[in-house]
Protein backbone atom coordinates (compact mmCIF):
# COMPACT_ATOMS: atom_id res chain seq x y z
CA UNK A 1 0.00 0.00 0.00
CA UNK A 2 1.51 3.32 -1.02
CA UNK A 3 1.48 6.36 1.21
CA UNK A 4 -0.44 9.43 0.17
CA UNK A 5 0.88 12.76 1.32
CA UNK A 6 -1.85 15.34 1.77
CA UNK A 7 -0.82 18.81 0.62
CA UNK A 8 -1.73 21.91 2.63
CA UNK A 9 -3.98 24.78 1.51
CA UNK A 10 -1.83 27.30 -0.32
CA UNK A 11 0.57 24.65 -1.65
CA UNK A 12 1.25 24.61 -5.37
CA UNK A 13 1.19 21.33 -7.26
CA UNK A 14 3.06 21.20 -10.57
CA UNK A 15 2.42 18.73 -13.36
CA UNK A 16 5.19 18.49 -15.97
CA UNK A 17 3.89 17.30 -19.33
CA UNK A 18 5.58 14.15 -20.60
CA UNK A 19 4.60 14.38 -24.26
CA UNK A 20 4.98 18.12 -24.76
CA UNK A 21 7.06 20.89 -23.24
CA UNK A 22 5.75 22.88 -20.32
CA UNK A 23 3.93 22.37 -17.07
CA UNK A 24 0.79 23.49 -15.26
CA UNK A 25 0.53 24.78 -11.71
CA UNK A 26 -2.49 24.18 -9.47
CA UNK A 27 -3.02 25.90 -6.14
CA UNK A 28 -4.47 23.88 -3.27
CA UNK A 29 -7.59 25.68 -2.01
CA UNK A 30 -8.77 23.25 0.65
CA UNK A 31 -7.98 19.81 2.01
CA UNK A 32 -10.38 17.54 3.88
CA UNK A 33 -8.23 15.18 5.94
CA UNK A 34 -11.28 13.02 6.72
CA UNK A 35 -12.24 12.26 3.11
CA UNK A 36 -8.98 13.12 1.37
CA UNK A 37 -10.83 15.54 -0.91
CA UNK A 38 -8.57 18.23 -2.28
CA UNK A 39 -9.95 21.31 -4.06
CA UNK A 40 -7.61 22.85 -6.63
CA UNK A 41 -7.57 26.14 -8.50
CA UNK A 42 -5.92 26.52 -11.90
CA UNK A 43 -6.08 30.06 -13.18
CA UNK A 44 -9.64 31.22 -12.53
CA UNK A 45 -11.12 27.71 -12.55
CA UNK A 46 -11.74 25.67 -9.41
CA UNK A 47 -11.86 21.87 -9.43
CA UNK A 48 -13.47 19.67 -6.75
CA UNK A 49 -10.75 17.00 -6.90
CA UNK A 50 -7.26 16.17 -8.08
CA UNK A 51 -8.69 13.89 -10.75
CA UNK A 52 -11.16 16.49 -12.04
CA UNK A 53 -8.33 18.99 -12.48
CA UNK A 54 -6.14 16.37 -14.17
CA UNK A 55 -8.96 15.38 -16.54
CA UNK A 56 -9.65 19.02 -17.46
CA UNK A 57 -6.01 19.52 -18.44
CA UNK A 58 -5.28 16.18 -20.06
CA UNK A 59 -8.66 15.72 -21.73
CA UNK A 60 -9.12 12.22 -20.32
CA UNK A 61 -9.64 10.52 -16.97
CA UNK A 62 -6.48 10.37 -14.90
CA UNK A 63 -5.46 9.29 -11.43
CA UNK A 64 -5.14 12.72 -9.83
CA UNK A 65 -2.79 11.51 -7.09
CA UNK A 66 -0.28 10.26 -9.65
CA UNK A 67 -0.88 13.13 -12.12
CA UNK A 68 -0.03 15.80 -9.54
CA UNK A 69 2.90 13.84 -8.12
CA UNK A 70 1.38 13.20 -4.69
CA UNK A 71 1.47 9.43 -5.05
CA UNK A 72 4.80 8.04 -6.17
CA UNK A 73 5.06 4.63 -7.72
CA UNK A 74 7.28 2.80 -5.26
CA UNK A 75 10.32 1.19 -6.91
CA UNK A 76 10.73 -2.52 -6.24
CA UNK A 77 13.51 -3.22 -3.78
PDB file of N, CA and C in Angstrom:
ATOM      1  N   UNK A   1       0.863  -1.191   0.000  1.00  0.00           N
ATOM      2  CA  UNK A   1       0.000   0.000   0.000  1.00  0.00           C
ATOM      3  C   UNK A   1       0.899   1.240   0.000  1.00  0.00           C
ATOM      4  N   UNK A   2       0.656   2.132  -0.916  1.00  0.00           N
ATOM      5  CA  UNK A   2       1.506   3.317  -1.015  1.00  0.00           C
ATOM      6  C   UNK A   2       0.962   4.431  -0.134  1.00  0.00           C
ATOM      7  N   UNK A   3       1.861   5.252   0.354  1.00  0.00           N
ATOM      8  CA  UNK A   3       1.481   6.363   1.211  1.00  0.00           C
ATOM      9  C   UNK A   3       1.038   7.549   0.366  1.00  0.00           C
ATOM     10  N   UNK A   4       0.000   8.194   0.811  1.00  0.00           N
ATOM     11  CA  UNK A   4      -0.440   9.431   0.170  1.00  0.00           C
ATOM     12  C   UNK A   4      -0.071  10.579   1.095  1.00  0.00           C
ATOM     13  N   UNK A   5       0.527  11.582   0.540  1.00  0.00           N
ATOM     14  CA  UNK A   5       0.878  12.760   1.315  1.00  0.00           C
ATOM     15  C   UNK A   5      -0.123  13.854   0.991  1.00  0.00           C
ATOM     16  N   UNK A   6      -0.866  14.275   1.991  1.00  0.00           N
ATOM     17  CA  UNK A   6      -1.845  15.342   1.768  1.00  0.00           C
ATOM     18  C   UNK A   6      -1.126  16.685   1.716  1.00  0.00           C
ATOM     19  N   UNK A   7      -1.397  17.462   0.682  1.00  0.00           N
ATOM     20  CA  UNK A   7      -0.821  18.807   0.623  1.00  0.00           C
ATOM     21  C   UNK A   7      -1.559  19.719   1.599  1.00  0.00           C
ATOM     22  N   UNK A   8      -1.083  20.926   1.764  1.00  0.00           N
ATOM     23  CA  UNK A   8      -1.730  21.905   2.633  1.00  0.00           C
ATOM     24  C   UNK A   8      -2.335  23.011   1.776  1.00  0.00           C
ATOM     25  N   UNK A   9      -3.427  23.643   2.250  1.00  0.00           N
ATOM     26  CA  UNK A   9      -3.982  24.778   1.509  1.00  0.00           C
ATOM     27  C   UNK A   9      -2.898  25.826   1.267  1.00  0.00           C
ATOM     28  N   UNK A  10      -2.851  26.326   0.040  1.00  0.00           N
ATOM     29  CA  UNK A  10      -1.829  27.301  -0.323  1.00  0.00           C
ATOM     30  C   UNK A  10      -0.654  26.665  -1.052  1.00  0.00           C
ATOM     31  N   UNK A  11      -0.499  25.340  -0.921  1.00  0.00           N
ATOM     32  CA  UNK A  11       0.572  24.648  -1.653  1.00  0.00           C
ATOM     33  C   UNK A  11       0.317  24.730  -3.147  1.00  0.00           C
ATOM     34  N   UNK A  12       1.389  24.669  -3.921  1.00  0.00           N
ATOM     35  CA  UNK A  12       1.253  24.613  -5.372  1.00  0.00           C
ATOM     36  C   UNK A  12       1.707  23.245  -5.850  1.00  0.00           C
ATOM     37  N   UNK A  13       0.871  22.622  -6.667  1.00  0.00           N
ATOM     38  CA  UNK A  13       1.190  21.331  -7.257  1.00  0.00           C
ATOM     39  C   UNK A  13       1.534  21.589  -8.723  1.00  0.00           C
ATOM     40  N   UNK A  14       2.621  20.979  -9.192  1.00  0.00           N
ATOM     41  CA  UNK A  14       3.061  21.203 -10.567  1.00  0.00           C
ATOM     42  C   UNK A  14       3.033  19.879 -11.315  1.00  0.00           C
ATOM     43  N   UNK A  15       2.392  19.900 -12.483  1.00  0.00           N
ATOM     44  CA  UNK A  15       2.424  18.734 -13.363  1.00  0.00           C
ATOM     45  C   UNK A  15       3.283  19.090 -14.569  1.00  0.00           C
ATOM     46  N   UNK A  16       4.327  18.294 -14.792  1.00  0.00           N
ATOM     47  CA  UNK A  16       5.185  18.491 -15.970  1.00  0.00           C
ATOM     48  C   UNK A  16       4.695  17.550 -17.066  1.00  0.00           C
ATOM     49  N   UNK A  17       4.389  18.114 -18.217  1.00  0.00           N
ATOM     50  CA  UNK A  17       3.890  17.298 -19.327  1.00  0.00           C
ATOM     51  C   UNK A  17       4.982  16.367 -19.816  1.00  0.00           C
ATOM     52  N   UNK A  18       4.611  15.126 -20.106  1.00  0.00           N
ATOM     53  CA  UNK A  18       5.577  14.154 -20.596  1.00  0.00           C
ATOM     54  C   UNK A  18       5.711  14.205 -22.108  1.00  0.00           C
ATOM     55  N   UNK A  19       4.603  14.477 -22.796  1.00  0.00           N
ATOM     56  CA  UNK A  19       4.605  14.383 -24.261  1.00  0.00           C
ATOM     57  C   UNK A  19       4.753  15.717 -24.956  1.00  0.00           C
ATOM     58  N   UNK A  20       4.780  16.796 -24.176  1.00  0.00           N
ATOM     59  CA  UNK A  20       4.984  18.121 -24.765  1.00  0.00           C
ATOM     60  C   UNK A  20       5.691  18.985 -23.736  1.00  0.00           C
ATOM     61  N   UNK A  21       6.356  20.045 -24.207  1.00  0.00           N
ATOM     62  CA  UNK A  21       7.062  20.891 -23.244  1.00  0.00           C
ATOM     63  C   UNK A  21       6.101  21.675 -22.367  1.00  0.00           C
ATOM     64  N   UNK A  22       6.555  22.037 -21.191  1.00  0.00           N
ATOM     65  CA  UNK A  22       5.753  22.878 -20.318  1.00  0.00           C
ATOM     66  C   UNK A  22       5.227  22.151 -19.100  1.00  0.00           C
ATOM     67  N   UNK A  23       4.510  22.911 -18.286  1.00  0.00           N
ATOM     68  CA  UNK A  23       3.931  22.371 -17.068  1.00  0.00           C
ATOM     69  C   UNK A  23       2.714  23.217 -16.709  1.00  0.00           C
ATOM     70  N   UNK A  24       1.951  22.743 -15.741  1.00  0.00           N
ATOM     71  CA  UNK A  24       0.793  23.489 -15.261  1.00  0.00           C
ATOM     72  C   UNK A  24       0.858  23.496 -13.738  1.00  0.00           C
ATOM     73  N   UNK A  25       0.481  24.630 -13.160  1.00  0.00           N
ATOM     74  CA  UNK A  25       0.530  24.778 -11.707  1.00  0.00           C
ATOM     75  C   UNK A  25      -0.890  24.891 -11.172  1.00  0.00           C
ATOM     76  N   UNK A  26      -1.187  24.121 -10.135  1.00  0.00           N
ATOM     77  CA  UNK A  26      -2.489  24.178  -9.471  1.00  0.00           C
ATOM     78  C   UNK A  26      -2.266  24.584  -8.027  1.00  0.00           C
ATOM     79  N   UNK A  27      -3.114  25.479  -7.538  1.00  0.00           N
ATOM     80  CA  UNK A  27      -3.024  25.905  -6.145  1.00  0.00           C
ATOM     81  C   UNK A  27      -4.036  25.121  -5.322  1.00  0.00           C
ATOM     82  N   UNK A  28      -3.592  24.620  -4.167  1.00  0.00           N
ATOM     83  CA  UNK A  28      -4.471  23.880  -3.267  1.00  0.00           C
ATOM     84  C   UNK A  28      -5.323  24.883  -2.500  1.00  0.00           C
ATOM     85  N   UNK A  29      -6.660  24.770  -2.660  1.00  0.00           N
ATOM     86  CA  UNK A  29      -7.593  25.684  -2.009  1.00  0.00           C
ATOM     87  C   UNK A  29      -8.018  25.143  -0.651  1.00  0.00           C
ATOM     88  N   UNK A  30      -8.375  23.856  -0.621  1.00  0.00           N
ATOM     89  CA  UNK A  30      -8.770  23.250   0.653  1.00  0.00           C
ATOM     90  C   UNK A  30      -8.460  21.761   0.635  1.00  0.00           C
ATOM     91  N   UNK A  31      -8.280  21.227   1.843  1.00  0.00           N
ATOM     92  CA  UNK A  31      -7.979  19.809   2.014  1.00  0.00           C
ATOM     93  C   UNK A  31      -8.852  19.275   3.136  1.00  0.00           C
ATOM     94  N   UNK A  32      -9.576  18.189   2.852  1.00  0.00           N
ATOM     95  CA  UNK A  32     -10.381  17.536   3.882  1.00  0.00           C
ATOM     96  C   UNK A  32      -9.636  16.275   4.311  1.00  0.00           C
ATOM     97  N   UNK A  33      -9.033  16.318   5.489  1.00  0.00           N
ATOM     98  CA  UNK A  33      -8.227  15.182   5.937  1.00  0.00           C
ATOM     99  C   UNK A  33      -9.080  13.949   6.234  1.00  0.00           C
ATOM    100  N   UNK A  34     -10.376  14.152   6.464  1.00  0.00           N
ATOM    101  CA  UNK A  34     -11.276  13.021   6.719  1.00  0.00           C
ATOM    102  C   UNK A  34     -11.537  12.224   5.439  1.00  0.00           C
ATOM    103  N   UNK A  35     -11.868  12.941   4.362  1.00  0.00           N
ATOM    104  CA  UNK A  35     -12.242  12.265   3.113  1.00  0.00           C
ATOM    105  C   UNK A  35     -11.103  12.216   2.116  1.00  0.00           C
ATOM    106  N   UNK A  36     -10.073  13.057   2.323  1.00  0.00           N
ATOM    107  CA  UNK A  36      -8.979  13.116   1.368  1.00  0.00           C
ATOM    108  C   UNK A  36      -9.303  13.979   0.166  1.00  0.00           C
ATOM    109  N   UNK A  37     -10.460  14.680   0.212  1.00  0.00           N
ATOM    110  CA  UNK A  37     -10.826  15.536  -0.913  1.00  0.00           C
ATOM    111  C   UNK A  37      -9.958  16.781  -0.931  1.00  0.00           C
ATOM    112  N   UNK A  38      -9.433  17.079  -2.105  1.00  0.00           N
ATOM    113  CA  UNK A  38      -8.565  18.235  -2.276  1.00  0.00           C
ATOM    114  C   UNK A  38      -9.142  19.102  -3.390  1.00  0.00           C
ATOM    115  N   UNK A  39      -9.417  20.364  -3.073  1.00  0.00           N
ATOM    116  CA  UNK A  39      -9.946  21.307  -4.055  1.00  0.00           C
ATOM    117  C   UNK A  39      -8.778  22.100  -4.623  1.00  0.00           C
ATOM    118  N   UNK A  40      -8.701  22.159  -5.956  1.00  0.00           N
ATOM    119  CA  UNK A  40      -7.613  22.850  -6.632  1.00  0.00           C
ATOM    120  C   UNK A  40      -8.124  24.030  -7.443  1.00  0.00           C
ATOM    121  N   UNK A  41      -7.271  25.021  -7.610  1.00  0.00           N
ATOM    122  CA  UNK A  41      -7.566  26.143  -8.500  1.00  0.00           C
ATOM    123  C   UNK A  41      -6.453  26.241  -9.527  1.00  0.00           C
ATOM    124  N   UNK A  42      -6.866  26.322 -10.798  1.00  0.00           N
ATOM    125  CA  UNK A  42      -5.918  26.522 -11.895  1.00  0.00           C
ATOM    126  C   UNK A  42      -6.410  27.749 -12.649  1.00  0.00           C
ATOM    127  N   UNK A  43      -5.623  28.807 -12.598  1.00  0.00           N
ATOM    128  CA  UNK A  43      -6.076  30.059 -13.178  1.00  0.00           C
ATOM    129  C   UNK A  43      -7.312  30.531 -12.440  1.00  0.00           C
ATOM    130  N   UNK A  44      -8.397  30.776 -13.172  1.00  0.00           N
ATOM    131  CA  UNK A  44      -9.638  31.223 -12.530  1.00  0.00           C
ATOM    132  C   UNK A  44     -10.610  30.071 -12.291  1.00  0.00           C
ATOM    133  N   UNK A  45     -10.219  28.865 -12.692  1.00  0.00           N
ATOM    134  CA  UNK A  45     -11.116  27.708 -12.552  1.00  0.00           C
ATOM    135  C   UNK A  45     -10.817  26.929 -11.277  1.00  0.00           C
ATOM    136  N   UNK A  46     -11.875  26.474 -10.622  1.00  0.00           N
ATOM    137  CA  UNK A  46     -11.745  25.674  -9.408  1.00  0.00           C
ATOM    138  C   UNK A  46     -12.234  24.258  -9.712  1.00  0.00           C
ATOM    139  N   UNK A  47     -11.520  23.271  -9.193  1.00  0.00           N
ATOM    140  CA  UNK A  47     -11.862  21.872  -9.430  1.00  0.00           C
ATOM    141  C   UNK A  47     -12.080  21.164  -8.100  1.00  0.00           C
ATOM    142  N   UNK A  48     -13.122  20.303  -8.022  1.00  0.00           N
ATOM    143  CA  UNK A  48     -13.472  19.670  -6.754  1.00  0.00           C
ATOM    144  C   UNK A  48     -12.546  18.520  -6.347  1.00  0.00           C
ATOM    145  N   UNK A  49     -11.642  18.116  -7.237  1.00  0.00           N
ATOM    146  CA  UNK A  49     -10.752  17.004  -6.899  1.00  0.00           C
ATOM    147  C   UNK A  49      -9.499  17.045  -7.758  1.00  0.00           C
ATOM    148  N   UNK A  50      -8.497  16.306  -7.313  1.00  0.00           N
ATOM    149  CA  UNK A  50      -7.262  16.169  -8.083  1.00  0.00           C
ATOM    150  C   UNK A  50      -7.550  15.594  -9.458  1.00  0.00           C
ATOM    151  N   UNK A  51      -8.399  14.565  -9.482  1.00  0.00           N
ATOM    152  CA  UNK A  51      -8.693  13.887 -10.749  1.00  0.00           C
ATOM    153  C   UNK A  51      -9.471  14.781 -11.713  1.00  0.00           C
ATOM    154  N   UNK A  52     -10.394  15.593 -11.173  1.00  0.00           N
ATOM    155  CA  UNK A  52     -11.160  16.495 -12.036  1.00  0.00           C
ATOM    156  C   UNK A  52     -10.240  17.512 -12.693  1.00  0.00           C
ATOM    157  N   UNK A  53      -9.280  18.031 -11.931  1.00  0.00           N
ATOM    158  CA  UNK A  53      -8.334  18.994 -12.484  1.00  0.00           C
ATOM    159  C   UNK A  53      -7.449  18.322 -13.528  1.00  0.00           C
ATOM    160  N   UNK A  54      -6.986  17.110 -13.226  1.00  0.00           N
ATOM    161  CA  UNK A  54      -6.136  16.374 -14.165  1.00  0.00           C
ATOM    162  C   UNK A  54      -6.889  16.097 -15.460  1.00  0.00           C
ATOM    163  N   UNK A  55      -8.151  15.692 -15.357  1.00  0.00           N
ATOM    164  CA  UNK A  55      -8.958  15.381 -16.540  1.00  0.00           C
ATOM    165  C   UNK A  55      -9.188  16.630 -17.386  1.00  0.00           C
ATOM    166  N   UNK A  56      -9.408  17.781 -16.723  1.00  0.00           N
ATOM    167  CA  UNK A  56      -9.652  19.022 -17.456  1.00  0.00           C
ATOM    168  C   UNK A  56      -8.426  19.419 -18.274  1.00  0.00           C
ATOM    169  N   UNK A  57      -7.250  19.155 -17.746  1.00  0.00           N
ATOM    170  CA  UNK A  57      -6.014  19.519 -18.437  1.00  0.00           C
ATOM    171  C   UNK A  57      -5.646  18.502 -19.504  1.00  0.00           C
ATOM    172  N   UNK A  58      -5.744  17.221 -19.137  1.00  0.00           N
ATOM    173  CA  UNK A  58      -5.283  16.176 -20.055  1.00  0.00           C
ATOM    174  C   UNK A  58      -6.323  15.802 -21.097  1.00  0.00           C
ATOM    175  N   UNK A  59      -7.601  16.070 -20.795  1.00  0.00           N
ATOM    176  CA  UNK A  59      -8.656  15.718 -21.732  1.00  0.00           C
ATOM    177  C   UNK A  59      -9.154  14.288 -21.588  1.00  0.00           C
ATOM    178  N   UNK A  60      -8.645  13.587 -20.585  1.00  0.00           N
ATOM    179  CA  UNK A  60      -9.124  12.223 -20.320  1.00  0.00           C
ATOM    180  C   UNK A  60      -8.986  11.927 -18.841  1.00  0.00           C
ATOM    181  N   UNK A  61      -9.678  10.887 -18.380  1.00  0.00           N
ATOM    182  CA  UNK A  61      -9.639  10.524 -16.967  1.00  0.00           C
ATOM    183  C   UNK A  61      -8.214  10.158 -16.561  1.00  0.00           C
ATOM    184  N   UNK A  62      -7.817  10.636 -15.419  1.00  0.00           N
ATOM    185  CA  UNK A  62      -6.477  10.372 -14.901  1.00  0.00           C
ATOM    186  C   UNK A  62      -6.551  10.153 -13.403  1.00  0.00           C
ATOM    187  N   UNK A  63      -5.587   9.418 -12.870  1.00  0.00           N
ATOM    188  CA  UNK A  63      -5.458   9.294 -11.431  1.00  0.00           C
ATOM    189  C   UNK A  63      -4.830  10.595 -10.941  1.00  0.00           C
ATOM    190  N   UNK A  64      -5.612  11.420 -10.258  1.00  0.00           N
ATOM    191  CA  UNK A  64      -5.135  12.723  -9.827  1.00  0.00           C
ATOM    192  C   UNK A  64      -3.945  12.670  -8.895  1.00  0.00           C
ATOM    193  N   UNK A  65      -3.903  11.640  -8.042  1.00  0.00           N
ATOM    194  CA  UNK A  65      -2.786  11.508  -7.095  1.00  0.00           C
ATOM    195  C   UNK A  65      -1.473  11.334  -7.835  1.00  0.00           C
ATOM    196  N   UNK A  66      -1.491  10.499  -8.869  1.00  0.00           N
ATOM    197  CA  UNK A  66      -0.279  10.260  -9.654  1.00  0.00           C
ATOM    198  C   UNK A  66       0.012  11.471 -10.541  1.00  0.00           C
ATOM    199  N   UNK A  67      -1.028  12.009 -11.191  1.00  0.00           N
ATOM    200  CA  UNK A  67      -0.882  13.135 -12.121  1.00  0.00           C
ATOM    201  C   UNK A  67      -0.183  14.316 -11.461  1.00  0.00           C
ATOM    202  N   UNK A  68      -0.591  14.638 -10.248  1.00  0.00           N
ATOM    203  CA  UNK A  68      -0.031  15.798  -9.543  1.00  0.00           C
ATOM    204  C   UNK A  68       1.182  15.453  -8.706  1.00  0.00           C
ATOM    205  N   UNK A  69       1.662  14.209  -8.785  1.00  0.00           N
ATOM    206  CA  UNK A  69       2.905  13.842  -8.119  1.00  0.00           C
ATOM    207  C   UNK A  69       2.774  13.622  -6.627  1.00  0.00           C
ATOM    208  N   UNK A  70       1.558  13.420  -6.126  1.00  0.00           N
ATOM    209  CA  UNK A  70       1.376  13.201  -4.693  1.00  0.00           C
ATOM    210  C   UNK A  70       1.505  11.734  -4.318  1.00  0.00           C
ATOM    211  N   UNK A  71       1.337  10.862  -5.295  1.00  0.00           N
ATOM    212  CA  UNK A  71       1.469   9.434  -5.053  1.00  0.00           C
ATOM    213  C   UNK A  71       2.568   8.927  -5.973  1.00  0.00           C
ATOM    214  N   UNK A  72       3.678   8.528  -5.381  1.00  0.00           N
ATOM    215  CA  UNK A  72       4.797   8.043  -6.171  1.00  0.00           C
ATOM    216  C   UNK A  72       4.668   6.530  -6.335  1.00  0.00           C
ATOM    217  N   UNK A  73       4.994   6.060  -7.521  1.00  0.00           N
ATOM    218  CA  UNK A  73       5.061   4.628  -7.718  1.00  0.00           C
ATOM    219  C   UNK A  73       6.325   4.144  -7.002  1.00  0.00           C
ATOM    220  N   UNK A  74       6.133   3.261  -6.035  1.00  0.00           N
ATOM    221  CA  UNK A  74       7.283   2.802  -5.259  1.00  0.00           C
ATOM    222  C   UNK A  74       8.136   1.844  -6.085  1.00  0.00           C
ATOM    223  N   UNK A  75       9.452   2.128  -6.182  1.00  0.00           N
ATOM    224  CA  UNK A  75      10.316   1.187  -6.911  1.00  0.00           C
ATOM    225  C   UNK A  75      10.437  -0.127  -6.143  1.00  0.00           C
ATOM    226  N   UNK A  76      10.556  -1.207  -6.865  1.00  0.00           N
ATOM    227  CA  UNK A  76      10.726  -2.515  -6.238  1.00  0.00           C
ATOM    228  C   UNK A  76      12.124  -2.595  -5.647  1.00  0.00           C
ATOM    229  N   UNK A  77      12.191  -3.127  -4.430  1.00  0.00           N
ATOM    230  CA  UNK A  77      13.505  -3.219  -3.782  1.00  0.00           C
ATOM    231  C   UNK A  77      14.126  -4.574  -4.013  1.00  0.00           C
TER     232      UNK A  77
END
